[in-house]
Amino acid sequence: MARMLSLLVLLLAAPLAPASAQIADRLADPVAEARAREIGRELRCLVCQNQSIEDSEADLARDLRRIVREQVSRGASHDEVMRFVHDRYGDFVLLRPPFRLSTLLLWATPVLALLGGLFAIWRLRRRRAVPVGELTEAERARLAERLGPSLSDKSQGEPRT
């Protein structure tokens, strides 16, 4: 009976474990904690890839938050913490990577996609805007020959008998 009760307590307390772990990871100094959170919002979660480490619940993001808080508690500046993390994980860990030749495609992709879409729209409109002229006598004769006598009468606007 005691085992069942302890298992029930563990199962009920399990959802609270991540919240208590986050509270335990916070810095005691509110100013330092705010700095750590600001830095964490600029770092990408390497697992989620579209979230900052402050927004992610992945284990790696939690480890990165601890690293940031350790650096901040040691008195490292914003730039020193960013450099420390960047040196270990590269440009990918930054939510706003620097503009360099190696990241040119990353920065240019939205512009290229927009230009490609505008070009496609322009081509489609241009293709539709080609005027269709009247058929020549030779084209009408060839059309009448292919469609047969009943359909060629309709195409010339003559009433059916």
C-alpha atoms as a PDB file:
ATOM      1  CA  MET A   1       0.000   0.000   0.000  1.00  0.00           C
ATOM      2  CA  ALA A   2       2.845   2.389   0.843  1.00  0.00           C
ATOM      3  CA  ARG A   3       4.447   1.633  -2.530  1.00  0.00           C
ATOM      4  CA  MET A   4       1.246   2.481  -4.369  1.00  0.00           C
ATOM      5  CA  LEU A   5       0.906   5.719  -2.434  1.00  0.00           C
ATOM      6  CA  SER A   6       4.501   6.770  -3.159  1.00  0.00           C
ATOM      7  CA  LEU A   7       4.070   5.882  -6.847  1.00  0.00           C
ATOM      8  CA  LEU A   8       0.907   7.975  -6.981  1.00  0.00           C
ATOM      9  CA  VAL A   9       2.694  10.935  -5.372  1.00  0.00           C
ATOM     10  CA  LEU A  10       5.563  10.647  -7.865  1.00  0.00           C
ATOM     11  CA  LEU A  11       3.182  10.510 -10.815  1.00  0.00           C
ATOM     12  CA  LEU A  12       1.288  13.557  -9.591  1.00  0.00           C
ATOM     13  CA  ALA A  13       4.491  15.515  -8.898  1.00  0.00           C
ATOM     14  CA  ALA A  14       6.195  14.656 -12.216  1.00  0.00           C
ATOM     15  CA  PRO A  15       4.706  17.582 -14.185  1.00  0.00           C
ATOM     16  CA  LEU A  16       6.048  19.976 -11.548  1.00  0.00           C
ATOM     17  CA  ALA A  17       9.660  18.784 -11.915  1.00  0.00           C
ATOM     18  CA  PRO A  18      10.628  20.961 -14.929  1.00  0.00           C
ATOM     19  CA  ALA A  19       9.213  24.068 -13.260  1.00  0.00           C
ATOM     20  CA  SER A  20      11.119  23.407 -10.037  1.00  0.00           C
ATOM     21  CA  ALA A  21      14.309  22.738 -12.019  1.00  0.00           C
ATOM     22  CA  GLN A  22      13.950  26.096 -13.789  1.00  0.00           C
ATOM     23  CA  ILE A  23      13.513  27.889 -10.478  1.00  0.00           C
ATOM     24  CA  ALA A  24      16.600  26.163  -9.071  1.00  0.00           C
ATOM     25  CA  ASP A  25      18.645  27.258 -12.103  1.00  0.00           C
ATOM     26  CA  ARG A  26      17.816  30.923 -11.649  1.00  0.00           C
ATOM     27  CA  LEU A  27      20.390  33.303 -10.262  1.00  0.00           C
ATOM     28  CA  ALA A  28      19.785  34.825  -6.846  1.00  0.00           C
ATOM     29  CA  ASP A  29      20.573  38.341  -8.069  1.00  0.00           C
ATOM     30  CA  PRO A  30      17.572  39.624 -10.075  1.00  0.00           C
ATOM     31  CA  VAL A  31      19.759  41.992 -12.147  1.00  0.00           C
ATOM     32  CA  ALA A  32      22.121  39.154 -13.098  1.00  0.00           C
ATOM     33  CA  GLU A  33      19.142  36.891 -13.863  1.00  0.00           C
ATOM     34  CA  ALA A  34      17.674  39.562 -16.150  1.00  0.00           C
ATOM     35  CA  ARG A  35      21.039  39.839 -17.964  1.00  0.00           C
ATOM     36  CA  ALA A  36      21.214  36.059 -18.336  1.00  0.00           C
ATOM     37  CA  ARG A  37      17.678  35.964 -19.750  1.00  0.00           C
ATOM     38  CA  GLU A  38      18.494  38.762 -22.205  1.00  0.00           C
ATOM     39  CA  ILE A  39      21.551  36.843 -23.411  1.00  0.00           C
ATOM     40  CA  GLY A  40      19.540  33.619 -23.577  1.00  0.00           C
ATOM     41  CA  ARG A  41      16.983  35.263 -25.878  1.00  0.00           C
ATOM     42  CA  GLU A  42      19.772  35.886 -28.406  1.00  0.00           C
ATOM     43  CA  LEU A  43      20.949  32.252 -28.454  1.00  0.00           C
ATOM     44  CA  ARG A  44      19.288  29.565 -30.572  1.00  0.00           C
ATOM     45  CA  CYS A  45      18.327  26.196 -29.160  1.00  0.00           C
ATOM     46  CA  LEU A  46      20.365  23.710 -31.174  1.00  0.00           C
ATOM     47  CA  VAL A  47      17.633  21.089 -30.855  1.00  0.00           C
ATOM     48  CA  CYS A  48      14.507  23.186 -31.583  1.00  0.00           C
ATOM     49  CA  GLN A  49      16.339  25.530 -33.986  1.00  0.00           C
ATOM     50  CA  ASN A  50      13.571  28.100 -34.086  1.00  0.00           C
ATOM     51  CA  GLN A  51      13.458  28.980 -30.399  1.00  0.00           C
ATOM     52  CA  SER A  52      15.787  30.773 -28.086  1.00  0.00           C
ATOM     53  CA  ILE A  53      17.301  28.792 -25.238  1.00  0.00           C
ATOM     54  CA  GLU A  54      15.044  30.733 -22.863  1.00  0.00           C
ATOM     55  CA  ASP A  55      11.925  29.490 -24.661  1.00  0.00           C
ATOM     56  CA  SER A  56      13.015  25.890 -25.201  1.00  0.00           C
ATOM     57  CA  GLU A  57      12.512  22.954 -22.868  1.00  0.00           C
ATOM     58  CA  ALA A  58      15.159  20.755 -24.527  1.00  0.00           C
ATOM     59  CA  ASP A  59      17.929  19.352 -22.335  1.00  0.00           C
ATOM     60  CA  LEU A  60      20.624  21.028 -24.426  1.00  0.00           C
ATOM     61  CA  ALA A  61      18.877  24.397 -24.052  1.00  0.00           C
ATOM     62  CA  ARG A  62      18.793  23.863 -20.289  1.00  0.00           C
ATOM     63  CA  ASP A  63      22.531  23.143 -20.349  1.00  0.00           C
ATOM     64  CA  LEU A  64      23.167  26.286 -22.379  1.00  0.00           C
ATOM     65  CA  ARG A  65      21.103  28.322 -19.907  1.00  0.00           C
ATOM     66  CA  ARG A  66      23.289  26.973 -17.093  1.00  0.00           C
ATOM     67  CA  ILE A  67      26.448  27.906 -19.011  1.00  0.00           C
ATOM     68  CA  VAL A  68      25.136  31.428 -19.591  1.00  0.00           C
ATOM     69  CA  ARG A  69      24.197  31.826 -15.926  1.00  0.00           C
ATOM     70  CA  GLU A  70      27.586  30.517 -14.789  1.00  0.00           C
ATOM     71  CA  GLN A  71      29.334  33.054 -17.011  1.00  0.00           C
ATOM     72  CA  VAL A  72      27.085  35.897 -15.827  1.00  0.00           C
ATOM     73  CA  SER A  73      27.588  34.940 -12.169  1.00  0.00           C
ATOM     74  CA  ARG A  74      31.364  35.043 -12.747  1.00  0.00           C
ATOM     75  CA  GLY A  75      30.976  38.634 -13.879  1.00  0.00           C
ATOM     76  CA  ALA A  76      31.400  38.171 -17.629  1.00  0.00           C
ATOM     77  CA  SER A  77      29.979  40.918 -19.820  1.00  0.00           C
ATOM     78  CA  HIS A  78      27.284  40.390 -22.436  1.00  0.00           C
ATOM     79  CA  ASP A  79      29.871  40.270 -25.244  1.00  0.00           C
ATOM     80  CA  GLU A  80      32.135  37.883 -23.316  1.00  0.00           C
ATOM     81  CA  VAL A  81      29.283  35.430 -22.706  1.00  0.00           C
ATOM     82  CA  MET A  82      28.189  35.611 -26.350  1.00  0.00           C
ATOM     83  CA  ARG A  83      31.774  35.066 -27.518  1.00  0.00           C
ATOM     84  CA  PHE A  84      32.200  32.139 -25.091  1.00  0.00           C
ATOM     85  CA  VAL A  85      29.098  30.356 -26.441  1.00  0.00           C
ATOM     86  CA  HIS A  86      29.828  31.334 -30.058  1.00  0.00           C
ATOM     87  CA  ASP A  87      33.394  29.955 -29.861  1.00  0.00           C
ATOM     88  CA  ARG A  88      32.029  26.569 -28.794  1.00  0.00           C
ATOM     89  CA  TYR A  89      28.948  26.271 -31.030  1.00  0.00           C
ATOM     90  CA  GLY A  90      29.619  28.543 -34.029  1.00  0.00           C
ATOM     91  CA  ASP A  91      27.362  30.965 -35.906  1.00  0.00           C
ATOM     92  CA  PHE A  92      24.413  28.603 -35.794  1.00  0.00           C
ATOM     93  CA  VAL A  93      23.851  29.199 -32.080  1.00  0.00           C
ATOM     94  CA  LEU A  94      23.201  32.903 -32.693  1.00  0.00           C
ATOM     95  CA  LEU A  95      19.627  33.880 -33.505  1.00  0.00           C
ATOM     96  CA  ARG A  96      21.056  36.883 -35.393  1.00  0.00           C
ATOM     97  CA  PRO A  97      24.196  35.546 -37.097  1.00  0.00           C
ATOM     98  CA  PRO A  98      26.786  38.104 -38.231  1.00  0.00           C
ATOM     99  CA  PHE A  99      26.807  39.278 -41.837  1.00  0.00           C
ATOM    100  CA  ARG A 100      29.819  37.665 -43.504  1.00  0.00           C
ATOM    101  CA  LEU A 101      30.629  36.067 -46.819  1.00  0.00           C
ATOM    102  CA  SER A 102      29.959  32.641 -45.292  1.00  0.00           C
ATOM    103  CA  THR A 103      26.475  33.731 -44.125  1.00  0.00           C
ATOM    104  CA  LEU A 104      25.607  35.722 -47.252  1.00  0.00           C
ATOM    105  CA  LEU A 105      23.217  33.078 -48.574  1.00  0.00           C
ATOM    106  CA  LEU A 106      21.462  32.949 -45.193  1.00  0.00           C
ATOM    107  CA  TRP A 107      20.841  36.701 -45.267  1.00  0.00           C
ATOM    108  CA  ALA A 108      20.037  36.816 -49.005  1.00  0.00           C
ATOM    109  CA  THR A 109      17.547  33.919 -49.083  1.00  0.00           C
ATOM    110  CA  PRO A 110      14.445  35.976 -48.112  1.00  0.00           C
ATOM    111  CA  VAL A 111      15.270  38.635 -50.723  1.00  0.00           C
ATOM    112  CA  LEU A 112      15.948  35.994 -53.379  1.00  0.00           C
ATOM    113  CA  ALA A 113      12.674  34.221 -52.559  1.00  0.00           C
ATOM    114  CA  LEU A 114      10.740  37.492 -52.830  1.00  0.00           C
ATOM    115  CA  LEU A 115      12.395  38.374 -56.142  1.00  0.00           C
ATOM    116  CA  GLY A 116      11.731  34.857 -57.467  1.00  0.00           C
ATOM    117  CA  GLY A 117       8.051  35.129 -56.539  1.00  0.00           C
ATOM    118  CA  LEU A 118       7.725  38.541 -58.167  1.00  0.00           C
ATOM    119  CA  PHE A 119       9.442  37.230 -61.314  1.00  0.00           C
ATOM    120  CA  ALA A 120       7.056  34.251 -61.459  1.00  0.00           C
ATOM    121  CA  ILE A 121       4.025  36.528 -61.089  1.00  0.00           C
ATOM    122  CA  TRP A 122       5.385  38.851 -63.804  1.00  0.00           C
ATOM    123  CA  ARG A 123       5.954  35.910 -66.181  1.00  0.00           C
ATOM    124  CA  LEU A 124       2.447  34.522 -65.606  1.00  0.00           C
ATOM    125  CA  ARG A 125       0.808  37.900 -66.188  1.00  0.00           C
ATOM    126  CA  ARG A 126       2.900  38.502 -69.283  1.00  0.00           C
ATOM    127  CA  ARG A 127       1.998  35.103 -70.692  1.00  0.00           C
ATOM    128  CA  ARG A 128      -1.719  35.812 -70.211  1.00  0.00           C
ATOM    129  CA  ALA A 129      -1.458  39.283 -71.712  1.00  0.00           C
ATOM    130  CA  VAL A 130      -0.461  38.041 -75.185  1.00  0.00           C
ATOM    131  CA  PRO A 131      -3.196  39.273 -77.540  1.00  0.00           C
ATOM    132  CA  VAL A 132      -4.939  36.709 -79.701  1.00  0.00           C
ATOM    133  CA  GLY A 133      -5.632  38.006 -83.205  1.00  0.00           C
ATOM    134  CA  GLU A 134      -8.206  36.961 -85.733  1.00  0.00           C
ATOM    135  CA  LEU A 135      -7.707  33.711 -87.613  1.00  0.00           C
ATOM    136  CA  THR A 136      -6.406  33.947 -91.127  1.00  0.00           C
ATOM    137  CA  GLU A 137      -8.333  32.327 -93.988  1.00  0.00           C
ATOM    138  CA  ALA A 138      -5.777  29.518 -94.156  1.00  0.00           C
ATOM    139  CA  GLU A 139      -6.155  28.849 -90.397  1.00  0.00           C
ATOM    140  CA  ARG A 140      -9.952  28.861 -90.677  1.00  0.00           C
ATOM    141  CA  ALA A 141      -9.822  26.394 -93.542  1.00  0.00           C
ATOM    142  CA  ARG A 142      -7.480  24.082 -91.633  1.00  0.00           C
ATOM    143  CA  LEU A 143      -9.707  24.340 -88.532  1.00  0.00           C
ATOM    144  CA  ALA A 144     -12.820  23.550 -90.583  1.00  0.00           C
ATOM    145  CA  GLU A 145     -11.065  20.560 -92.096  1.00  0.00           C
ATOM    146  CA  ARG A 146     -10.109  19.169 -88.657  1.00  0.00           C
ATOM    147  CA  LEU A 147     -13.352  19.870 -86.835  1.00  0.00           C
ATOM    148  CA  GLY A 148     -15.687  18.673 -89.515  1.00  0.00           C
ATOM    149  CA  PRO A 149     -18.624  20.366 -91.159  1.00  0.00           C
ATOM    150  CA  SER A 150     -20.981  20.607 -88.154  1.00  0.00           C
ATOM    151  CA  LEU A 151     -18.481  22.287 -85.808  1.00  0.00           C
ATOM    152  CA  SER A 152     -16.999  24.556 -88.421  1.00  0.00           C
ATOM    153  CA  ASP A 153     -20.466  26.039 -89.029  1.00  0.00           C
ATOM    154  CA  LYS A 154     -20.687  26.972 -85.331  1.00  0.00           C
ATOM    155  CA  SER A 155     -17.245  28.532 -85.316  1.00  0.00           C
ATOM    156  CA  GLN A 156     -18.189  30.878 -88.139  1.00  0.00           C
ATOM    157  CA  GLY A 157     -21.344  31.965 -86.401  1.00  0.00           C
ATOM    158  CA  GLU A 158     -23.804  30.505 -88.893  1.00  0.00           C
ATOM    159  CA  PRO A 159     -27.091  29.189 -87.494  1.00  0.00           C
ATOM    160  CA  ARG A 160     -27.709  25.449 -87.436  1.00  0.00           C
ATOM    161  CA  THR A 161     -30.313  23.945 -89.649  1.00  0.00           C
END
